Amino acid sequence: MTPLQGIGLAVAAYLALLARSAWKQGEMRQFMMSCLVLILLFGLIVSVIAGYVWWHGR
């Protein structure tokens, strides 16, 4: 297992534990909204980086 895979596994396990906790506390909607916000932010960051690489890579 590469270090990147280990980090990915740790993050996935942490998110699974957070989801389980949110489920037990009845806050699954709030957890999912938080995940959506994170996905959008990461998507924005990736888009900016990809645009920069594309623009300066010509």
N, C-alpha and C. Protein backbone atom coordinates (compact mmCIF):
# COMPACT_ATOMS: atom_id res chain seq x y z
N MET A 1 0.85 -1.17 0.00
CA MET A 1 0.00 0.00 0.00
C MET A 1 0.90 1.24 0.00
N THR A 2 0.59 2.15 -0.90
CA THR A 2 1.37 3.38 -0.97
C THR A 2 0.93 4.33 0.14
N PRO A 3 1.76 5.32 0.46
CA PRO A 3 1.36 6.30 1.49
C PRO A 3 0.06 7.03 1.13
N LEU A 4 -0.13 7.34 -0.15
CA LEU A 4 -1.35 8.03 -0.57
C LEU A 4 -2.58 7.15 -0.35
N GLN A 5 -2.44 5.86 -0.61
CA GLN A 5 -3.55 4.94 -0.36
C GLN A 5 -3.85 4.83 1.13
N GLY A 6 -2.81 4.84 1.95
CA GLY A 6 -2.99 4.80 3.40
C GLY A 6 -3.74 6.03 3.90
N ILE A 7 -3.37 7.19 3.38
CA ILE A 7 -4.07 8.42 3.76
C ILE A 7 -5.52 8.35 3.31
N GLY A 8 -5.76 7.87 2.10
CA GLY A 8 -7.13 7.72 1.59
C GLY A 8 -7.95 6.79 2.45
N LEU A 9 -7.34 5.69 2.88
CA LEU A 9 -8.03 4.73 3.75
C LEU A 9 -8.37 5.36 5.10
N ALA A 10 -7.43 6.11 5.66
CA ALA A 10 -7.66 6.78 6.95
C ALA A 10 -8.78 7.81 6.83
N VAL A 11 -8.80 8.58 5.75
CA VAL A 11 -9.85 9.58 5.55
C VAL A 11 -11.20 8.90 5.38
N ALA A 12 -11.24 7.81 4.61
CA ALA A 12 -12.50 7.08 4.40
C ALA A 12 -13.02 6.50 5.72
N ALA A 13 -12.12 5.96 6.54
CA ALA A 13 -12.53 5.41 7.83
C ALA A 13 -13.07 6.51 8.74
N TYR A 14 -12.39 7.66 8.74
CA TYR A 14 -12.84 8.79 9.56
C TYR A 14 -14.22 9.28 9.12
N LEU A 15 -14.43 9.39 7.80
CA LEU A 15 -15.73 9.81 7.30
C LEU A 15 -16.81 8.79 7.64
N ALA A 16 -16.47 7.51 7.59
CA ALA A 16 -17.44 6.47 7.96
C ALA A 16 -17.84 6.59 9.43
N LEU A 17 -16.86 6.85 10.29
CA LEU A 17 -17.17 7.03 11.72
C LEU A 17 -18.01 8.28 11.95
N LEU A 18 -17.70 9.36 11.23
CA LEU A 18 -18.51 10.58 11.35
C LEU A 18 -19.94 10.34 10.88
N ALA A 19 -20.09 9.62 9.77
CA ALA A 19 -21.42 9.32 9.25
C ALA A 19 -22.21 8.46 10.24
N ARG A 20 -21.55 7.50 10.84
CA ARG A 20 -22.22 6.64 11.84
C ARG A 20 -22.69 7.47 13.03
N SER A 21 -21.84 8.38 13.48
CA SER A 21 -22.20 9.24 14.60
C SER A 21 -23.37 10.15 14.23
N ALA A 22 -23.31 10.72 13.02
CA ALA A 22 -24.40 11.60 12.58
C ALA A 22 -25.70 10.82 12.47
N TRP A 23 -25.62 9.59 11.98
CA TRP A 23 -26.82 8.75 11.85
C TRP A 23 -27.44 8.49 13.22
N LYS A 24 -26.61 8.16 14.20
CA LYS A 24 -27.11 7.87 15.55
C LYS A 24 -27.73 9.10 16.20
N GLN A 25 -27.19 10.28 15.90
CA GLN A 25 -27.68 11.51 16.51
C GLN A 25 -28.80 12.16 15.70
N GLY A 26 -29.17 11.55 14.57
CA GLY A 26 -30.23 12.09 13.74
C GLY A 26 -29.83 13.34 12.98
N GLU A 27 -28.56 13.48 12.69
CA GLU A 27 -28.06 14.67 11.99
C GLU A 27 -27.47 14.30 10.63
N MET A 28 -28.04 13.30 9.99
CA MET A 28 -27.49 12.84 8.72
C MET A 28 -27.62 13.91 7.64
N ARG A 29 -28.72 14.67 7.64
CA ARG A 29 -28.90 15.73 6.64
C ARG A 29 -27.80 16.77 6.76
N GLN A 30 -27.49 17.19 7.97
CA GLN A 30 -26.43 18.18 8.18
C GLN A 30 -25.08 17.63 7.75
N PHE A 31 -24.82 16.36 8.03
CA PHE A 31 -23.57 15.73 7.61
C PHE A 31 -23.45 15.70 6.09
N MET A 32 -24.54 15.33 5.42
CA MET A 32 -24.51 15.27 3.96
C MET A 32 -24.33 16.66 3.34
N MET A 33 -24.95 17.68 3.94
CA MET A 33 -24.78 19.05 3.44
C MET A 33 -23.33 19.49 3.62
N SER A 34 -22.71 19.13 4.72
CA SER A 34 -21.30 19.46 4.94
C SER A 34 -20.42 18.76 3.91
N CYS A 35 -20.72 17.51 3.61
CA CYS A 35 -19.96 16.79 2.59
C CYS A 35 -20.14 17.44 1.22
N LEU A 36 -21.35 17.90 0.92
CA LEU A 36 -21.60 18.58 -0.35
C LEU A 36 -20.79 19.86 -0.46
N VAL A 37 -20.74 20.64 0.62
CA VAL A 37 -19.95 21.87 0.62
C VAL A 37 -18.47 21.55 0.39
N LEU A 38 -17.96 20.52 1.04
CA LEU A 38 -16.56 20.13 0.84
C LEU A 38 -16.30 19.70 -0.60
N ILE A 39 -17.21 18.94 -1.17
CA ILE A 39 -17.05 18.50 -2.56
C ILE A 39 -17.02 19.70 -3.50
N LEU A 40 -17.90 20.67 -3.26
CA LEU A 40 -17.92 21.87 -4.11
C LEU A 40 -16.64 22.67 -3.96
N LEU A 41 -16.14 22.82 -2.74
CA LEU A 41 -14.90 23.56 -2.53
C LEU A 41 -13.71 22.87 -3.19
N PHE A 42 -13.62 21.55 -3.02
CA PHE A 42 -12.53 20.81 -3.66
C PHE A 42 -12.65 20.89 -5.18
N GLY A 43 -13.87 20.83 -5.69
CA GLY A 43 -14.08 20.97 -7.14
C GLY A 43 -13.63 22.32 -7.65
N LEU A 44 -13.92 23.36 -6.88
CA LEU A 44 -13.49 24.71 -7.26
C LEU A 44 -11.96 24.80 -7.29
N ILE A 45 -11.33 24.27 -6.26
CA ILE A 45 -9.86 24.29 -6.20
C ILE A 45 -9.26 23.52 -7.37
N VAL A 46 -9.79 22.34 -7.66
CA VAL A 46 -9.28 21.54 -8.78
C VAL A 46 -9.50 22.27 -10.10
N SER A 47 -10.64 22.92 -10.25
CA SER A 47 -10.92 23.67 -11.48
C SER A 47 -9.94 24.82 -11.68
N VAL A 48 -9.65 25.54 -10.61
CA VAL A 48 -8.70 26.66 -10.70
C VAL A 48 -7.32 26.14 -11.07
N ILE A 49 -6.88 25.07 -10.43
CA ILE A 49 -5.56 24.51 -10.73
C ILE A 49 -5.51 23.98 -12.16
N ALA A 50 -6.55 23.26 -12.58
CA ALA A 50 -6.58 22.72 -13.95
C ALA A 50 -6.59 23.85 -14.97
N GLY A 51 -7.35 24.91 -14.69
CA GLY A 51 -7.37 26.06 -15.59
C GLY A 51 -6.01 26.72 -15.69
N TYR A 52 -5.34 26.85 -14.57
CA TYR A 52 -4.00 27.45 -14.56
C TYR A 52 -3.03 26.60 -15.36
N VAL A 53 -3.05 25.30 -15.14
CA VAL A 53 -2.15 24.40 -15.86
C VAL A 53 -2.46 24.43 -17.35
N TRP A 54 -3.73 24.42 -17.71
CA TRP A 54 -4.12 24.44 -19.12
C TRP A 54 -3.70 25.76 -19.77
N TRP A 55 -3.93 26.86 -19.08
CA TRP A 55 -3.63 28.19 -19.63
C TRP A 55 -2.12 28.39 -19.81
N HIS A 56 -1.34 27.96 -18.84
CA HIS A 56 0.11 28.18 -18.90
C HIS A 56 0.85 27.01 -19.55
N GLY A 57 0.15 25.96 -19.88
CA GLY A 57 0.79 24.82 -20.50
C GLY A 57 0.83 24.89 -22.02
N ARG A 58 0.24 25.93 -22.59
CA ARG A 58 0.18 26.04 -24.05
C ARG A 58 1.48 26.50 -24.64
